[in-house]
Amino acid sequence: ALRSYAARGSPAEQDATYSLYGITHHSGNMDGGHYIAHCKNYDDKKWYCYNDSRVTPVNGSPPIDSSAYLLFYSRINPGRSRLDSI
């Protein structure tokens, strides 16, 4: 969990609950390649794949594998029902 990376005694250490809402995948090498994004829609709670000009729904959870280049999380505020940053 991300809690182990928070400063001791900080509010983040106590409330270190996060929700994954986006993944950027890279295929290729350092000289070139292609990026695809998977993002969770805030309104319908479903995942979508963004690949150039195409957007397609994802069945189930998005893939998190060695092509995952960036992971996007939002801290869940325990005092609220909504995510802090979305």
N, C-alpha and C. Protein backbone atom coordinates (compact mmCIF):
# COMPACT_ATOMS: atom_id res chain seq x y z
N ALA A 1 0.84 -1.18 0.00
CA ALA A 1 0.00 0.00 0.00
C ALA A 1 0.88 1.24 0.00
N LEU A 2 0.30 2.36 -0.38
CA LEU A 2 1.04 3.61 -0.44
C LEU A 2 1.30 4.20 0.94
N ARG A 3 0.62 3.71 1.94
CA ARG A 3 0.77 4.23 3.31
C ARG A 3 2.22 4.19 3.78
N SER A 4 2.96 3.16 3.39
CA SER A 4 4.34 3.03 3.85
C SER A 4 5.25 4.12 3.30
N TYR A 5 4.80 4.88 2.29
CA TYR A 5 5.61 5.95 1.71
C TYR A 5 5.23 7.33 2.25
N ALA A 6 4.24 7.41 3.10
CA ALA A 6 3.81 8.69 3.67
C ALA A 6 4.69 9.04 4.87
N ALA A 7 4.85 10.33 5.13
CA ALA A 7 5.63 10.79 6.28
C ALA A 7 4.95 10.35 7.57
N ARG A 8 5.75 9.92 8.54
CA ARG A 8 5.19 9.46 9.82
C ARG A 8 4.44 10.59 10.51
N GLY A 9 3.25 10.26 10.98
CA GLY A 9 2.43 11.22 11.71
C GLY A 9 1.64 12.17 10.82
N SER A 10 1.84 12.10 9.52
CA SER A 10 1.11 13.00 8.63
C SER A 10 -0.32 12.51 8.43
N PRO A 11 -1.23 13.40 8.06
CA PRO A 11 -2.60 12.96 7.76
C PRO A 11 -2.64 11.92 6.65
N ALA A 12 -1.71 12.03 5.70
CA ALA A 12 -1.68 11.05 4.60
C ALA A 12 -1.38 9.65 5.11
N GLU A 13 -0.60 9.55 6.18
CA GLU A 13 -0.29 8.24 6.72
C GLU A 13 -1.55 7.59 7.31
N GLN A 14 -2.39 8.38 7.92
CA GLN A 14 -3.61 7.86 8.54
C GLN A 14 -4.68 7.54 7.51
N ASP A 15 -4.77 8.35 6.47
CA ASP A 15 -5.84 8.21 5.49
C ASP A 15 -5.28 7.84 4.11
N ALA A 16 -4.38 6.89 4.07
CA ALA A 16 -3.70 6.55 2.82
C ALA A 16 -4.49 5.49 2.04
N THR A 17 -5.67 5.88 1.60
CA THR A 17 -6.47 5.02 0.75
C THR A 17 -6.62 5.69 -0.59
N TYR A 18 -6.23 4.97 -1.64
CA TYR A 18 -6.21 5.56 -2.97
C TYR A 18 -6.99 4.70 -3.94
N SER A 19 -7.50 5.35 -4.99
CA SER A 19 -8.25 4.66 -6.02
C SER A 19 -7.57 4.90 -7.37
N LEU A 20 -7.31 3.83 -8.10
CA LEU A 20 -6.70 3.94 -9.42
C LEU A 20 -7.74 4.44 -10.41
N TYR A 21 -7.39 5.49 -11.17
CA TYR A 21 -8.34 6.01 -12.16
C TYR A 21 -7.75 6.16 -13.55
N GLY A 22 -6.45 5.88 -13.72
CA GLY A 22 -5.87 6.01 -15.04
C GLY A 22 -4.56 5.26 -15.18
N ILE A 23 -4.31 4.75 -16.37
CA ILE A 23 -3.07 4.04 -16.68
C ILE A 23 -2.64 4.45 -18.07
N THR A 24 -1.38 4.80 -18.21
CA THR A 24 -0.80 5.06 -19.53
C THR A 24 0.10 3.89 -19.86
N HIS A 25 -0.09 3.30 -21.03
CA HIS A 25 0.74 2.18 -21.50
C HIS A 25 1.62 2.66 -22.63
N HIS A 26 2.85 2.18 -22.65
CA HIS A 26 3.78 2.51 -23.74
C HIS A 26 4.28 1.22 -24.37
N SER A 27 4.25 1.18 -25.70
CA SER A 27 4.86 0.08 -26.42
C SER A 27 5.91 0.67 -27.35
N GLY A 28 6.99 0.00 -27.52
CA GLY A 28 8.09 0.49 -28.34
C GLY A 28 9.35 0.59 -27.52
N ASN A 29 10.20 1.57 -27.84
CA ASN A 29 11.44 1.76 -27.10
C ASN A 29 11.65 3.24 -26.83
N MET A 30 12.84 3.60 -26.34
CA MET A 30 13.12 5.00 -25.99
C MET A 30 13.17 5.91 -27.21
N ASP A 31 13.38 5.35 -28.39
CA ASP A 31 13.45 6.15 -29.61
C ASP A 31 12.09 6.41 -30.24
N GLY A 32 11.10 5.68 -29.84
CA GLY A 32 9.77 5.86 -30.41
C GLY A 32 8.83 4.79 -29.90
N GLY A 33 7.58 4.98 -30.18
CA GLY A 33 6.61 4.00 -29.73
C GLY A 33 5.21 4.56 -29.81
N HIS A 34 4.34 3.94 -29.03
CA HIS A 34 2.92 4.30 -29.07
C HIS A 34 2.38 4.28 -27.65
N TYR A 35 1.52 5.24 -27.35
CA TYR A 35 0.89 5.32 -26.03
C TYR A 35 -0.60 5.03 -26.15
N ILE A 36 -1.11 4.31 -25.17
CA ILE A 36 -2.53 4.03 -25.03
C ILE A 36 -2.89 4.35 -23.58
N ALA A 37 -4.05 4.92 -23.35
CA ALA A 37 -4.48 5.23 -21.99
C ALA A 37 -5.74 4.46 -21.64
N HIS A 38 -5.82 4.02 -20.41
CA HIS A 38 -7.04 3.45 -19.85
C HIS A 38 -7.46 4.36 -18.71
N CYS A 39 -8.69 4.83 -18.76
CA CYS A 39 -9.19 5.76 -17.74
C CYS A 39 -10.57 5.32 -17.26
N LYS A 40 -10.80 5.54 -15.97
CA LYS A 40 -12.09 5.22 -15.38
C LYS A 40 -12.97 6.46 -15.43
N ASN A 41 -14.15 6.31 -15.99
CA ASN A 41 -15.10 7.41 -16.09
C ASN A 41 -15.70 7.66 -14.71
N TYR A 42 -15.65 8.91 -14.27
CA TYR A 42 -16.13 9.24 -12.94
C TYR A 42 -17.64 9.02 -12.80
N ASP A 43 -18.40 9.31 -13.84
CA ASP A 43 -19.85 9.22 -13.75
C ASP A 43 -20.38 7.80 -13.80
N ASP A 44 -19.89 7.00 -14.76
CA ASP A 44 -20.46 5.64 -14.90
C ASP A 44 -19.58 4.56 -14.27
N LYS A 45 -18.42 4.93 -13.73
CA LYS A 45 -17.50 4.00 -13.04
C LYS A 45 -16.97 2.89 -13.94
N LYS A 46 -17.02 3.08 -15.25
CA LYS A 46 -16.52 2.08 -16.19
C LYS A 46 -15.18 2.53 -16.75
N TRP A 47 -14.38 1.54 -17.17
CA TRP A 47 -13.07 1.80 -17.76
C TRP A 47 -13.20 1.91 -19.27
N TYR A 48 -12.39 2.82 -19.85
CA TYR A 48 -12.35 3.01 -21.29
C TYR A 48 -10.91 3.02 -21.77
N CYS A 49 -10.70 2.54 -22.98
CA CYS A 49 -9.39 2.54 -23.61
C CYS A 49 -9.35 3.66 -24.64
N TYR A 50 -8.35 4.54 -24.52
CA TYR A 50 -8.16 5.66 -25.44
C TYR A 50 -6.94 5.35 -26.30
N ASN A 51 -7.18 5.09 -27.59
CA ASN A 51 -6.12 4.71 -28.51
C ASN A 51 -6.25 5.59 -29.76
N ASP A 52 -5.44 6.62 -29.82
CA ASP A 52 -5.52 7.61 -30.90
C ASP A 52 -6.93 8.20 -30.95
N SER A 53 -7.64 8.04 -32.05
CA SER A 53 -8.97 8.64 -32.18
C SER A 53 -10.09 7.70 -31.75
N ARG A 54 -9.75 6.52 -31.25
CA ARG A 54 -10.78 5.55 -30.85
C ARG A 54 -10.89 5.47 -29.34
N VAL A 55 -12.12 5.41 -28.87
CA VAL A 55 -12.40 5.18 -27.45
C VAL A 55 -13.31 3.98 -27.38
N THR A 56 -12.87 2.95 -26.65
CA THR A 56 -13.66 1.73 -26.54
C THR A 56 -13.82 1.34 -25.07
N PRO A 57 -14.97 0.79 -24.70
CA PRO A 57 -15.15 0.33 -23.32
C PRO A 57 -14.26 -0.89 -23.05
N VAL A 58 -13.85 -1.03 -21.80
CA VAL A 58 -13.02 -2.15 -21.36
C VAL A 58 -13.90 -3.08 -20.54
N ASN A 59 -13.87 -4.35 -20.86
CA ASN A 59 -14.59 -5.35 -20.06
C ASN A 59 -13.77 -5.71 -18.84
N GLY A 60 -14.29 -5.43 -17.67
CA GLY A 60 -13.57 -5.73 -16.44
C GLY A 60 -12.54 -4.66 -16.12
N SER A 61 -11.45 -5.08 -15.51
CA SER A 61 -10.38 -4.16 -15.12
C SER A 61 -9.39 -3.99 -16.26
N PRO A 62 -8.75 -2.84 -16.33
CA PRO A 62 -7.75 -2.62 -17.38
C PRO A 62 -6.48 -3.42 -17.09
N PRO A 63 -5.70 -3.68 -18.11
CA PRO A 63 -4.46 -4.44 -17.87
C PRO A 63 -3.41 -3.60 -17.16
N ILE A 64 -2.80 -4.18 -16.15
CA ILE A 64 -1.64 -3.56 -15.50
C ILE A 64 -0.51 -4.56 -15.66
N ASP A 65 0.35 -4.28 -16.62
CA ASP A 65 1.45 -5.19 -16.93
C ASP A 65 2.72 -4.38 -17.14
N SER A 66 3.73 -4.98 -17.75
CA SER A 66 5.01 -4.30 -17.92
C SER A 66 4.93 -3.11 -18.87
N SER A 67 3.85 -2.97 -19.63
CA SER A 67 3.70 -1.81 -20.51
C SER A 67 3.12 -0.60 -19.78
N ALA A 68 2.69 -0.79 -18.54
CA ALA A 68 2.12 0.33 -17.76
C ALA A 68 3.23 1.33 -17.45
N TYR A 69 3.11 2.51 -18.00
CA TYR A 69 4.15 3.54 -17.92
C TYR A 69 3.89 4.51 -16.77
N LEU A 70 2.64 4.90 -16.61
CA LEU A 70 2.23 5.77 -15.51
C LEU A 70 0.92 5.26 -14.93
N LEU A 71 0.80 5.33 -13.61
CA LEU A 71 -0.44 4.98 -12.92
C LEU A 71 -0.94 6.25 -12.23
N PHE A 72 -2.23 6.53 -12.37
CA PHE A 72 -2.83 7.72 -11.77
C PHE A 72 -3.78 7.31 -10.65
N TYR A 73 -3.54 7.85 -9.47
CA TYR A 73 -4.36 7.55 -8.30
C TYR A 73 -4.97 8.83 -7.75
N SER A 74 -6.08 8.68 -7.09
CA SER A 74 -6.70 9.77 -6.37
C SER A 74 -6.91 9.31 -4.93
N ARG A 75 -6.55 10.19 -3.99
CA ARG A 75 -6.73 9.84 -2.58
C ARG A 75 -8.21 9.89 -2.25
N ILE A 76 -8.68 8.88 -1.59
CA ILE A 76 -10.07 8.84 -1.16
C ILE A 76 -10.14 9.49 0.22
N ASN A 77 -10.94 10.53 0.32
CA ASN A 77 -11.09 11.24 1.58
C ASN A 77 -12.14 10.50 2.41
N PRO A 78 -11.75 9.95 3.57
CA PRO A 78 -12.71 9.16 4.36
C PRO A 78 -13.89 9.96 4.86
N GLY A 79 -13.79 11.29 4.93
CA GLY A 79 -14.88 12.12 5.42
C GLY A 79 -15.89 12.48 4.34
N ARG A 80 -15.63 12.07 3.11
CA ARG A 80 -16.51 12.41 2.00
C ARG A 80 -16.78 11.15 1.18
N SER A 81 -17.79 11.26 0.34
CA SER A 81 -18.12 10.12 -0.51
C SER A 81 -17.50 10.26 -1.89
N ARG A 82 -16.88 11.42 -2.19
CA ARG A 82 -16.30 11.68 -3.51
C ARG A 82 -14.78 11.67 -3.41
N LEU A 83 -14.14 11.45 -4.53
CA LEU A 83 -12.68 11.49 -4.57
C LEU A 83 -12.19 12.94 -4.49
N ASP A 84 -11.03 13.16 -3.90
CA ASP A 84 -10.49 14.49 -3.71
C ASP A 84 -10.18 15.20 -5.03
N SER A 85 -9.54 14.53 -5.95
CA SER A 85 -9.00 15.24 -7.10
C SER A 85 -9.81 15.07 -8.38
N ILE A 86 -10.91 14.39 -8.33
CA ILE A 86 -11.71 14.22 -9.56
C ILE A 86 -13.02 14.94 -9.38
